[in-house]
Amino acid sequence: MKRKKVSIVGAGPGAVDLITVRGLRAIQSADAILYDALVNKELLKEAQPDCELIFVGKRSGKHSFKQDEINRLLVENAFHYDHVVRLKGGDPFIFGRGHEELEYVESFNIEVEVIPGLSSSTALTALSGIPLTKRNINESFWVLTGTIENQQLSKDIAIAAQSSATLVILMGIKKLPLIRAILLENGKVDLPIAIISKGSTAQQRVIYSTVKDIVDKAQQEQVERPGIIVAGPTVALASPDYLIEKAAAVWKA
């Protein structure tokens, strides 16, 4: 008799080919898949023809499943099928509530496997040419959420803004004016900042600016979600202006 199993799988930051090999194998062997709104739907084509596909996505301003409902659906499907995949955007343990789901499912004595995914915080910055750390420039980076459970801005941003670290803020575009105000309060007026919109997809756009001008620039460019905010000196290393200046310096040399 097969032992029932739930696999909590990170689908990566958006592009269909940025899932891990292990994650892809889990999708291909699943009897049922519960997937989120940010999961690339092309991945679902890798499932078996008779696999049950269940959308449980959450989207701002639209009806979405509550976490308790998702937890119950996971267990109900695990009792019905041998292998259930919970497919989540990015990495399930980085602002993904993956551990909450693991605890709930395990409380029913159901085996749980966790398969990490590429987080947008590190994958999208790398794809955009933004190093999160660089020798002689900075020594660390912070990954933060822009919005906590009660829709308020995370207080950790004010703490991180006092450091020299690169700040990577997920789910923060709606809070961009508040984030800008905090950075300005900490003297980061000319700090390089970027917004990576719809990263790793064909619609990816990267908007570069400084903290003082970023809100106006985002409005002018009509930045769309989902997206992440990256602020710090290393952002300048990937900006078009920096690359032009560097090329000019090499040419003069």
Protein backbone atom coordinates (compact mmCIF):
# COMPACT_ATOMS: atom_id res chain seq x y z
CA MET A 1 0.00 0.00 0.00
CA LYS A 2 1.41 3.39 -1.01
CA ARG A 3 2.07 5.94 1.72
CA LYS A 4 0.23 9.18 1.01
CA LYS A 5 2.40 12.24 0.54
CA VAL A 6 2.10 15.99 0.07
CA SER A 7 4.92 17.82 -1.71
CA ILE A 8 5.21 21.56 -1.06
CA VAL A 9 6.98 22.78 -4.19
CA GLY A 10 8.50 26.14 -5.07
CA ALA A 11 7.72 26.98 -8.70
CA GLY A 12 10.37 29.69 -8.97
CA PRO A 13 10.04 33.38 -9.86
CA GLY A 14 7.94 33.12 -13.03
CA ALA A 15 9.72 31.63 -16.02
CA VAL A 16 8.69 28.04 -16.67
CA ASP A 17 12.30 26.82 -16.90
CA LEU A 18 13.36 28.23 -13.53
CA ILE A 19 11.82 25.41 -11.51
CA THR A 20 14.16 22.81 -10.02
CA VAL A 21 14.46 19.34 -11.56
CA ARG A 22 13.08 17.85 -8.33
CA GLY A 23 10.12 20.21 -8.41
CA LEU A 24 9.35 19.28 -12.02
CA ARG A 25 9.46 15.58 -11.18
CA ALA A 26 6.99 16.16 -8.35
CA ILE A 27 4.57 17.86 -10.76
CA GLN A 28 4.92 14.99 -13.24
CA SER A 29 4.12 12.37 -10.60
CA ALA A 30 1.26 14.21 -8.86
CA ASP A 31 -2.32 12.96 -8.65
CA ALA A 32 -3.55 16.42 -7.67
CA ILE A 33 -1.96 19.89 -7.76
CA LEU A 34 -3.12 22.89 -5.75
CA TYR A 35 -1.52 25.94 -7.37
CA ASP A 36 -1.21 29.68 -6.71
CA ALA A 37 -1.94 32.72 -8.87
CA LEU A 38 1.76 33.49 -9.49
CA VAL A 39 2.58 30.00 -10.75
CA ASN A 40 3.36 29.85 -14.47
CA LYS A 41 0.43 27.90 -15.96
CA GLU A 42 2.77 26.28 -18.50
CA LEU A 43 4.10 24.15 -15.65
CA LEU A 44 0.68 22.53 -15.28
CA LYS A 45 1.08 21.04 -18.77
CA GLU A 46 3.77 18.81 -17.28
CA ALA A 47 1.19 17.08 -15.08
CA GLN A 48 -0.34 13.71 -15.93
CA PRO A 49 -3.49 13.89 -18.12
CA ASP A 50 -5.72 12.73 -15.27
CA CYS A 51 -4.14 14.96 -12.62
CA GLU A 52 -6.65 17.09 -10.67
CA LEU A 53 -5.72 20.78 -11.03
CA ILE A 54 -7.09 23.02 -8.28
CA PHE A 55 -6.58 26.80 -8.29
CA VAL A 56 -6.22 28.25 -4.77
CA GLY A 57 -4.59 31.57 -5.66
CA LYS A 58 -4.72 34.82 -3.75
CA ARG A 59 -4.88 38.16 -5.54
CA SER A 60 -5.29 41.65 -4.13
CA GLY A 61 -8.76 43.08 -4.68
CA LYS A 62 -10.23 39.77 -5.85
CA HIS A 63 -11.90 36.85 -4.13
CA SER A 64 -9.23 34.52 -2.87
CA PHE A 65 -8.93 31.42 -0.75
CA LYS A 66 -8.20 31.91 2.93
CA GLN A 67 -5.25 30.00 4.31
CA ASP A 68 -7.49 27.80 6.47
CA GLU A 69 -9.41 26.76 3.34
CA ILE A 70 -6.20 25.87 1.53
CA ASN A 71 -4.99 23.83 4.50
CA ARG A 72 -8.24 21.85 4.57
CA LEU A 73 -8.15 21.26 0.82
CA LEU A 74 -4.62 19.93 1.07
CA VAL A 75 -5.62 17.37 3.68
CA GLU A 76 -8.87 16.40 1.92
CA ASN A 77 -7.00 15.75 -1.31
CA ALA A 78 -4.22 13.91 0.50
CA PHE A 79 -6.78 11.48 1.91
CA HIS A 80 -8.23 10.99 -1.58
CA TYR A 81 -5.00 10.78 -3.63
CA ASP A 82 -1.57 9.21 -3.09
CA HIS A 83 0.51 12.23 -4.09
CA VAL A 84 -0.63 15.84 -3.78
CA VAL A 85 1.53 18.77 -4.87
CA ARG A 86 1.12 22.21 -3.36
CA LEU A 87 2.67 24.45 -6.04
CA LYS A 88 3.68 27.90 -4.83
CA GLY A 89 5.43 30.82 -6.54
CA GLY A 90 9.05 31.48 -5.64
CA ASP A 91 10.24 29.55 -2.60
CA PRO A 92 7.51 28.20 -0.30
CA PHE A 93 9.42 29.11 2.87
CA ILE A 94 10.04 32.78 1.94
CA PHE A 95 6.82 34.73 2.67
CA GLY A 96 4.93 31.76 1.24
CA ARG A 97 3.25 30.24 4.31
CA GLY A 98 4.77 26.93 3.32
CA HIS A 99 5.65 26.02 6.89
CA GLU A 100 2.09 26.70 8.07
CA GLU A 101 0.86 24.23 5.49
CA LEU A 102 3.53 21.70 6.46
CA GLU A 103 2.51 21.85 10.14
CA TYR A 104 -1.18 21.47 9.33
CA VAL A 105 -0.73 18.52 6.98
CA GLU A 106 1.71 16.74 9.31
CA SER A 107 -0.79 17.06 12.17
CA PHE A 108 -2.89 14.49 10.25
CA ASN A 109 0.08 12.09 10.14
CA ILE A 110 0.55 12.69 6.41
CA GLU A 111 4.09 12.70 5.03
CA VAL A 112 5.26 16.09 3.76
CA GLU A 113 8.16 16.75 1.39
CA VAL A 114 9.48 20.29 0.89
CA ILE A 115 11.07 21.13 -2.46
CA PRO A 116 12.68 24.60 -2.44
CA GLY A 117 12.28 27.03 -5.30
CA LEU A 118 14.23 29.99 -6.62
CA SER A 119 13.06 33.06 -4.72
CA SER A 120 12.29 36.23 -6.67
CA SER A 121 14.44 38.07 -4.13
CA THR A 122 17.65 36.48 -5.41
CA ALA A 123 16.68 35.17 -8.85
CA LEU A 124 15.14 38.32 -10.33
CA THR A 125 17.95 40.55 -9.10
CA ALA A 126 20.53 38.22 -10.65
CA LEU A 127 18.61 38.03 -13.93
CA SER A 128 18.54 41.84 -13.99
CA GLY A 129 22.29 42.08 -13.39
CA ILE A 130 21.93 43.52 -9.89
CA PRO A 131 24.42 41.99 -7.44
CA LEU A 132 22.97 41.88 -3.93
CA THR A 133 26.46 42.11 -2.47
CA LYS A 134 29.75 43.31 -3.87
CA ARG A 135 33.15 43.59 -2.26
CA ASN A 136 34.01 47.10 -1.03
CA ILE A 137 30.42 48.28 -1.56
CA ASN A 138 28.19 46.40 0.89
CA GLU A 139 28.33 43.38 3.16
CA SER A 140 24.77 42.07 3.33
CA PHE A 141 21.25 42.19 1.97
CA TRP A 142 17.83 42.14 3.61
CA VAL A 143 14.79 40.41 2.14
CA LEU A 144 11.62 42.03 3.48
CA THR A 145 7.91 41.98 2.85
CA GLY A 146 6.26 45.28 2.07
CA THR A 147 2.89 44.19 3.42
CA ILE A 148 2.18 42.19 6.57
CA GLU A 149 -1.01 40.34 7.47
CA ASN A 150 -3.07 43.40 8.45
CA GLN A 151 -2.07 45.18 5.21
CA GLN A 152 0.26 47.49 7.14
CA LEU A 153 3.84 48.26 6.13
CA SER A 154 6.42 46.04 7.83
CA LYS A 155 8.27 47.90 10.61
CA ASP A 156 11.44 46.01 9.68
CA ILE A 157 11.86 48.29 6.66
CA ALA A 158 12.58 51.26 8.94
CA ILE A 159 15.28 49.21 10.69
CA ALA A 160 16.81 47.94 7.45
CA ALA A 161 16.86 51.48 6.01
CA GLN A 162 19.43 52.46 8.64
CA SER A 163 21.96 49.96 7.29
CA SER A 164 24.21 49.88 4.22
CA ALA A 165 22.63 46.61 3.09
CA THR A 166 20.81 46.12 -0.19
CA LEU A 167 17.08 46.04 0.52
CA VAL A 168 14.90 43.62 -1.46
CA ILE A 169 11.23 44.29 -0.75
CA LEU A 170 8.61 41.81 -1.93
CA MET A 171 4.91 42.69 -2.17
CA GLY A 172 5.73 46.37 -1.72
CA ILE A 173 4.75 48.21 -4.90
CA LYS A 174 1.42 49.39 -3.45
CA LYS A 175 3.36 50.76 -0.49
CA LEU A 176 6.04 52.49 -2.60
CA PRO A 177 5.26 56.06 -1.35
CA LEU A 178 5.56 54.89 2.28
CA ILE A 179 8.77 53.01 1.56
CA ARG A 180 10.21 56.08 -0.16
CA ALA A 181 9.31 58.25 2.86
CA ILE A 182 11.14 55.90 5.24
CA LEU A 183 14.25 55.86 3.06
CA LEU A 184 14.20 59.66 2.82
CA GLU A 185 13.94 59.94 6.60
CA ASN A 186 17.15 57.92 6.78
CA GLY A 187 19.04 60.19 4.38
CA LYS A 188 18.82 57.89 1.37
CA VAL A 189 17.74 60.64 -1.04
CA ASP A 190 20.05 59.67 -3.89
CA LEU A 191 20.21 55.96 -3.15
CA PRO A 192 19.84 53.90 -6.36
CA ILE A 193 16.58 51.96 -6.50
CA ALA A 194 14.95 49.65 -9.02
CA ILE A 195 11.58 48.02 -9.56
CA ILE A 196 11.56 44.68 -11.33
CA SER A 197 8.09 44.11 -12.76
CA LYS A 198 6.86 40.69 -13.96
CA GLY A 199 10.37 39.38 -13.56
CA SER A 200 11.75 36.48 -15.61
CA THR A 201 8.74 36.56 -17.96
CA ALA A 202 8.51 37.95 -21.50
CA GLN A 203 6.88 41.06 -19.95
CA GLN A 204 9.75 41.81 -17.55
CA ARG A 205 10.58 45.48 -17.10
CA VAL A 206 13.21 47.04 -14.85
CA ILE A 207 12.78 50.67 -13.81
CA TYR A 208 15.88 52.43 -12.42
CA SER A 209 15.82 55.64 -10.44
CA THR A 210 16.83 57.22 -7.15
CA VAL A 211 14.77 57.18 -3.98
CA LYS A 212 13.72 60.81 -4.35
CA ASP A 213 12.35 60.24 -7.89
CA ILE A 214 11.12 56.64 -7.78
CA VAL A 215 7.42 57.32 -7.13
CA ASP A 216 7.16 59.74 -10.06
CA LYS A 217 9.15 57.36 -12.28
CA ALA A 218 6.93 54.41 -11.37
CA GLN A 219 3.81 56.41 -12.21
CA GLN A 220 5.26 57.62 -15.51
CA GLU A 221 6.26 54.10 -16.49
CA GLN A 222 2.94 52.63 -15.27
CA VAL A 223 4.69 49.87 -13.38
CA GLU A 224 2.60 46.72 -13.12
CA ARG A 225 2.47 44.05 -10.45
CA PRO A 226 3.74 41.59 -9.46
CA GLY A 227 7.11 43.13 -8.83
CA ILE A 228 9.89 43.62 -6.33
CA ILE A 229 11.74 46.71 -5.11
CA VAL A 230 15.54 46.72 -4.80
CA ALA A 231 17.33 49.61 -3.09
CA GLY A 232 21.05 49.97 -2.43
CA PRO A 233 24.37 51.10 -3.93
CA THR A 234 24.77 47.89 -5.96
CA VAL A 235 21.62 48.70 -7.94
CA ALA A 236 23.62 51.35 -9.79
CA LEU A 237 25.93 48.64 -11.15
CA ALA A 238 23.14 47.35 -13.40
CA SER A 239 21.59 50.66 -14.40
CA PRO A 240 21.95 51.81 -18.03
CA ASP A 241 23.66 55.04 -16.93
CA TYR A 242 26.34 53.11 -15.04
CA LEU A 243 26.98 50.80 -17.98
CA ILE A 244 27.29 53.75 -20.36
CA GLU A 245 29.73 55.51 -18.01
CA LYS A 246 31.79 52.34 -17.61
CA ALA A 247 31.95 51.80 -21.38
CA ALA A 248 33.02 55.41 -21.89
CA ALA A 249 35.78 55.03 -19.28
CA VAL A 250 37.13 51.91 -20.97
CA TRP A 251 37.02 53.62 -24.38
CA LYS A 252 39.00 56.63 -23.06
CA ALA A 253 41.54 54.33 -21.45
